[in-house]
Amino acid sequence: MNISPAVAEGRPRPAPAPPSAPPSVPPSAGPSAGPSEARAAFNDSAGAGLGFVPLGLAFGALTTQSGLDWWWAGLSATLAFGGSFEFLLIGMVTAAAPLAAVALSAFMVNVRHVFYALSFPLHRITGRLGKTYATFALCDEAYALATGKQARSHSGRRILWLQFFLHLYWAGSAVAGALLGSLIPDDVTGLDFALTAMFTVLALDAVRDLRDDLPTPALALLSALAARLLFPGQMLLAAFALFTAALLARHLTTGRKPTHA
């Protein structure tokens, strides 16, 4: 049976299906997403990293002035990354000190890092390689920036990027100092105070984070005074040991978790 076009045109046609809605995009994946972990870590490290620059330049210049090749500065900054110990290492290398003496000096200068493990957020970092690098690159500045009140929500990737940028600041400025150290005028003053000023600022930030826990700085001061009186020859190690014992004793007696200092 044939149906005329007029009849066919008069039939109601089904309404077209509505177009499927596009998949929803989470806010974090859109163009208005926040800065990446690397960019955020770079912003975190900028202040402390700029404090590394004059010290690294001085270290690189001292390396070449001591008769060592320029690449010694970059090698030491990359593999040792020991800050003050690297200045000591230059004299030991030029004097051909025994390896045992170098190892003992490195332990005595950097033994404070052992106590950093009590509150450094290593548990946020995943992967054996990441934990290894975080342990290797744990310097005073990285500890201060990663354990502050504002950093308690930082991810493990952000902490790793932070340590990497600090490492890069130090190694890069050391190489630059070794290559260009002779161009720095002798009458430039204030470079030796850069590290002291940086630690002062970090200490002030830490005290501001501890407004509700002022006994912690008091415990640190008392530990330093006791170490100075009882163990003047090993004051740094004794002060850290006494401070750690005081924090543990406070935690056991009051039931509070030790806060980040």
Protein backbone atom coordinates (compact mmCIF):
# COMPACT_ATOMS: atom_id res chain seq x y z
CA MET A 1 0.00 0.00 0.00
CA ASN A 2 1.49 3.32 -1.07
CA ILE A 3 1.30 6.36 1.23
CA SER A 4 1.14 9.70 -0.42
CA PRO A 5 3.69 12.36 0.50
CA ALA A 6 0.94 14.60 1.90
CA VAL A 7 -0.11 11.98 4.42
CA ALA A 8 3.50 11.27 5.32
CA GLU A 9 4.19 14.94 5.91
CA GLY A 10 1.17 15.19 8.20
CA ARG A 11 2.39 12.55 10.62
CA PRO A 12 4.00 13.85 13.81
CA ARG A 13 7.73 13.25 13.83
CA PRO A 14 9.52 12.18 16.99
CA ALA A 15 11.41 14.91 18.75
CA PRO A 16 15.13 14.73 18.20
CA ALA A 17 17.12 13.31 21.09
CA PRO A 18 18.82 15.99 23.15
CA PRO A 19 22.58 16.15 22.59
CA SER A 20 24.56 14.35 25.19
CA ALA A 21 26.09 16.65 27.75
CA PRO A 22 29.86 16.96 27.54
CA PRO A 23 31.74 15.13 30.27
CA SER A 24 32.28 17.25 33.30
CA VAL A 25 35.84 18.44 33.83
CA PRO A 26 37.07 18.67 37.38
CA PRO A 27 38.16 22.15 38.39
CA SER A 28 41.74 21.06 38.88
CA ALA A 29 42.06 19.97 35.26
CA GLY A 30 40.72 23.14 33.63
CA PRO A 31 42.71 26.14 32.46
CA SER A 32 42.01 27.93 35.73
CA ALA A 33 43.73 25.21 37.75
CA GLY A 34 46.26 26.21 40.36
CA PRO A 35 50.00 26.24 39.78
CA SER A 36 51.76 22.94 39.30
CA GLU A 37 53.66 21.28 42.08
CA ALA A 38 56.98 22.30 40.52
CA ARG A 39 55.97 25.94 40.15
CA ALA A 40 54.65 26.08 43.70
CA ALA A 41 57.86 24.52 45.01
CA PHE A 42 59.92 27.00 43.01
CA ASN A 43 58.03 29.85 44.67
CA ASP A 44 58.62 28.21 48.06
CA SER A 45 62.35 27.89 47.44
CA ALA A 46 62.97 31.32 45.94
CA GLY A 47 63.77 33.14 49.19
CA ALA A 48 66.11 30.52 50.60
CA GLY A 49 67.58 29.82 47.16
CA LEU A 50 68.56 33.46 46.68
CA GLY A 51 70.31 33.23 50.03
CA PHE A 52 72.31 30.32 48.62
CA VAL A 53 73.65 32.38 45.72
CA PRO A 54 76.24 34.57 47.49
CA LEU A 55 77.43 31.63 49.59
CA GLY A 56 77.71 29.45 46.51
CA LEU A 57 79.62 32.14 44.65
CA ALA A 58 82.00 32.48 47.58
CA PHE A 59 82.44 28.72 47.76
CA GLY A 60 83.17 28.44 44.05
CA ALA A 61 85.66 31.31 44.17
CA LEU A 62 87.39 29.77 47.19
CA THR A 63 87.64 26.45 45.36
CA THR A 64 89.59 27.91 42.43
CA GLN A 65 91.67 30.18 44.67
CA SER A 66 92.74 27.08 46.62
CA GLY A 67 94.30 25.64 43.46
CA LEU A 68 91.51 23.21 42.56
CA ASP A 69 89.88 23.02 39.14
CA TRP A 70 86.55 24.76 38.66
CA TRP A 71 84.67 21.48 38.29
CA TRP A 72 85.55 20.57 41.87
CA ALA A 73 83.00 23.15 43.02
CA GLY A 74 80.21 21.64 40.94
CA LEU A 75 81.15 18.08 41.88
CA SER A 76 81.21 18.85 45.59
CA ALA A 77 77.96 20.83 45.47
CA THR A 78 76.20 18.07 43.56
CA LEU A 79 77.46 14.98 45.38
CA ALA A 80 78.27 16.26 48.86
CA PHE A 81 75.69 19.05 49.25
CA GLY A 82 76.95 19.67 52.75
CA GLY A 83 76.99 23.46 52.97
CA SER A 84 79.45 24.41 55.70
CA PHE A 85 81.17 21.04 55.44
CA GLU A 86 82.08 21.75 51.83
CA PHE A 87 84.10 24.80 52.90
CA LEU A 88 85.93 22.54 55.34
CA LEU A 89 86.34 19.90 52.65
CA ILE A 90 88.36 22.26 50.44
CA GLY A 91 91.10 22.56 53.04
CA MET A 92 91.09 18.83 53.69
CA VAL A 93 91.38 18.02 49.99
CA THR A 94 94.24 20.46 49.42
CA ALA A 95 95.99 19.06 52.51
CA ALA A 96 95.45 15.46 51.33
CA ALA A 97 93.74 14.53 54.60
CA PRO A 98 93.08 10.81 55.23
CA LEU A 99 89.70 9.51 54.14
CA ALA A 100 88.86 8.50 57.71
CA ALA A 101 89.41 12.10 58.87
CA VAL A 102 87.16 13.39 56.09
CA ALA A 103 84.41 10.92 57.01
CA LEU A 104 84.63 11.78 60.72
CA SER A 105 84.50 15.51 59.99
CA ALA A 106 81.47 15.04 57.73
CA PHE A 107 79.69 13.12 60.48
CA MET A 108 80.43 15.68 63.17
CA VAL A 109 79.36 18.65 61.04
CA ASN A 110 76.17 17.06 59.66
CA VAL A 111 75.09 14.91 62.61
CA ARG A 112 72.27 17.39 63.28
CA HIS A 113 70.46 15.95 60.24
CA VAL A 114 69.84 12.77 62.22
CA PHE A 115 67.48 14.69 64.50
CA TYR A 116 65.65 16.25 61.55
CA ALA A 117 64.17 12.83 60.78
CA LEU A 118 61.98 13.10 63.89
CA SER A 119 59.67 15.63 62.24
CA PHE A 120 60.58 15.80 58.55
CA PRO A 121 57.51 14.63 56.52
CA LEU A 122 59.29 11.78 54.75
CA HIS A 123 56.12 9.67 55.00
CA ARG A 124 54.45 11.85 52.36
CA ILE A 125 57.05 10.95 49.76
CA THR A 126 56.34 7.78 47.81
CA GLY A 127 58.80 5.51 46.09
CA ARG A 128 62.16 4.25 47.21
CA LEU A 129 64.03 6.56 44.84
CA GLY A 130 62.10 9.61 46.05
CA LYS A 131 62.74 8.81 49.70
CA THR A 132 66.43 8.26 48.97
CA TYR A 133 66.80 11.64 47.30
CA ALA A 134 64.77 13.39 49.99
CA THR A 135 67.09 11.94 52.63
CA PHE A 136 70.20 12.92 50.66
CA ALA A 137 69.02 16.48 49.91
CA LEU A 138 67.77 17.23 53.43
CA CYS A 139 69.43 20.52 54.31
CA ASP A 140 68.60 23.04 57.02
CA GLU A 141 66.61 25.25 54.66
CA ALA A 142 64.60 22.36 53.19
CA TYR A 143 63.74 21.17 56.69
CA ALA A 144 62.60 24.62 57.79
CA LEU A 145 60.43 25.12 54.69
CA ALA A 146 58.94 21.60 54.67
CA THR A 147 57.99 21.49 58.35
CA GLY A 148 56.47 24.93 58.76
CA LYS A 149 52.79 25.49 59.47
CA GLN A 150 52.03 26.49 55.88
CA ALA A 151 53.71 23.34 54.54
CA ARG A 152 51.66 20.80 56.48
CA SER A 153 49.41 20.24 53.47
CA HIS A 154 52.20 20.04 50.88
CA SER A 155 52.41 16.82 48.91
CA GLY A 156 55.46 14.63 48.64
CA ARG A 157 56.07 15.77 45.05
CA ARG A 158 56.11 19.39 46.12
CA ILE A 159 58.61 18.63 48.87
CA LEU A 160 60.85 16.80 46.42
CA TRP A 161 60.69 19.68 43.95
CA LEU A 162 61.53 22.07 46.78
CA GLN A 163 64.64 20.09 47.67
CA PHE A 164 65.64 19.80 44.02
CA PHE A 165 65.44 23.57 43.47
CA LEU A 166 67.49 24.26 46.59
CA HIS A 167 70.05 21.73 45.39
CA LEU A 168 70.09 23.41 41.98
CA TYR A 169 70.56 26.86 43.50
CA TRP A 170 73.58 25.69 45.45
CA ALA A 171 75.24 23.71 42.67
CA GLY A 172 74.60 26.37 40.04
CA SER A 173 75.93 29.23 42.15
CA ALA A 174 79.00 27.17 43.13
CA VAL A 175 79.87 26.54 39.48
CA ALA A 176 79.24 30.19 38.63
CA GLY A 177 81.49 31.27 41.50
CA ALA A 178 84.25 28.95 40.34
CA LEU A 179 84.07 30.29 36.78
CA LEU A 180 83.45 33.95 37.56
CA GLY A 181 84.73 34.31 41.10
CA SER A 182 87.75 36.32 40.01
CA LEU A 183 85.42 39.02 38.65
CA ILE A 184 83.85 39.75 42.06
CA PRO A 185 85.40 42.97 43.47
CA ASP A 186 87.30 42.64 46.73
CA ASP A 187 85.47 45.59 48.29
CA VAL A 188 82.05 43.88 48.13
CA THR A 189 80.76 43.48 51.69
CA GLY A 190 77.82 41.67 53.20
CA LEU A 191 78.10 38.40 51.30
CA ASP A 192 79.24 36.58 54.43
CA PHE A 193 76.10 37.70 56.27
CA ALA A 194 73.66 36.29 53.71
CA LEU A 195 73.43 32.85 55.33
CA THR A 196 73.06 34.31 58.82
CA ALA A 197 70.28 36.62 57.64
CA MET A 198 68.49 33.74 55.93
CA PHE A 199 68.56 31.59 59.07
CA THR A 200 67.32 34.55 61.12
CA VAL A 201 64.29 34.93 58.85
CA LEU A 202 63.57 31.18 58.95
CA ALA A 203 63.83 31.19 62.73
CA LEU A 204 61.39 34.11 63.01
CA ASP A 205 58.91 32.28 60.78
CA ALA A 206 59.22 29.17 62.93
CA VAL A 207 58.56 31.18 66.11
CA ARG A 208 55.45 32.73 64.55
CA ASP A 209 54.15 29.23 63.81
CA LEU A 210 54.60 28.31 67.47
CA ARG A 211 52.48 31.00 69.07
CA ASP A 212 50.44 28.37 70.88
CA ASP A 213 53.49 26.34 71.88
CA LEU A 214 56.08 28.74 73.29
CA PRO A 215 57.69 26.11 75.57
CA THR A 216 59.41 24.58 72.53
CA PRO A 217 61.80 27.54 71.99
CA ALA A 218 62.33 27.62 75.74
CA LEU A 219 63.31 23.93 75.71
CA ALA A 220 65.73 24.61 72.84
CA LEU A 221 67.36 27.49 74.74
CA LEU A 222 67.67 25.49 77.96
CA SER A 223 69.16 22.55 76.05
CA ALA A 224 71.77 24.82 74.45
CA LEU A 225 72.69 26.37 77.81
CA ALA A 226 72.96 22.97 79.50
CA ALA A 227 75.13 21.64 76.67
CA ARG A 228 77.35 24.70 76.91
CA LEU A 229 77.90 24.15 80.62
CA LEU A 230 78.12 20.36 80.70
CA PHE A 231 79.65 19.46 77.33
CA PRO A 232 81.45 22.54 75.95
CA GLY A 233 83.59 20.46 73.61
CA GLN A 234 80.58 18.77 71.95
CA MET A 235 77.99 21.49 72.40
CA LEU A 236 76.08 20.99 69.13
CA LEU A 237 75.63 17.23 69.48
CA ALA A 238 74.83 17.48 73.18
CA ALA A 239 72.30 20.27 72.64
CA PHE A 240 70.43 18.28 69.99
CA ALA A 241 70.43 15.19 72.19
CA LEU A 242 69.12 17.10 75.21
CA PHE A 243 66.49 18.88 73.12
CA THR A 244 65.29 15.57 71.67
CA ALA A 245 65.12 14.00 75.13
CA ALA A 246 63.17 17.01 76.42
CA LEU A 247 60.64 16.78 73.56
CA LEU A 248 60.15 13.07 74.13
CA ALA A 249 59.74 13.59 77.87
CA ARG A 250 57.16 16.33 77.29
CA HIS A 251 55.27 14.10 74.88
CA LEU A 252 55.17 11.23 77.37
CA THR A 253 54.10 13.41 80.30
CA THR A 254 51.55 15.64 78.56
CA GLY A 255 50.34 13.32 75.79
CA ARG A 256 50.96 15.98 73.14
CA LYS A 257 52.70 15.33 69.91
CA PRO A 258 55.95 17.27 69.51
CA THR A 259 55.32 20.22 67.22
CA HIS A 260 57.50 21.22 64.30
CA ALA A 261 60.23 23.52 65.44
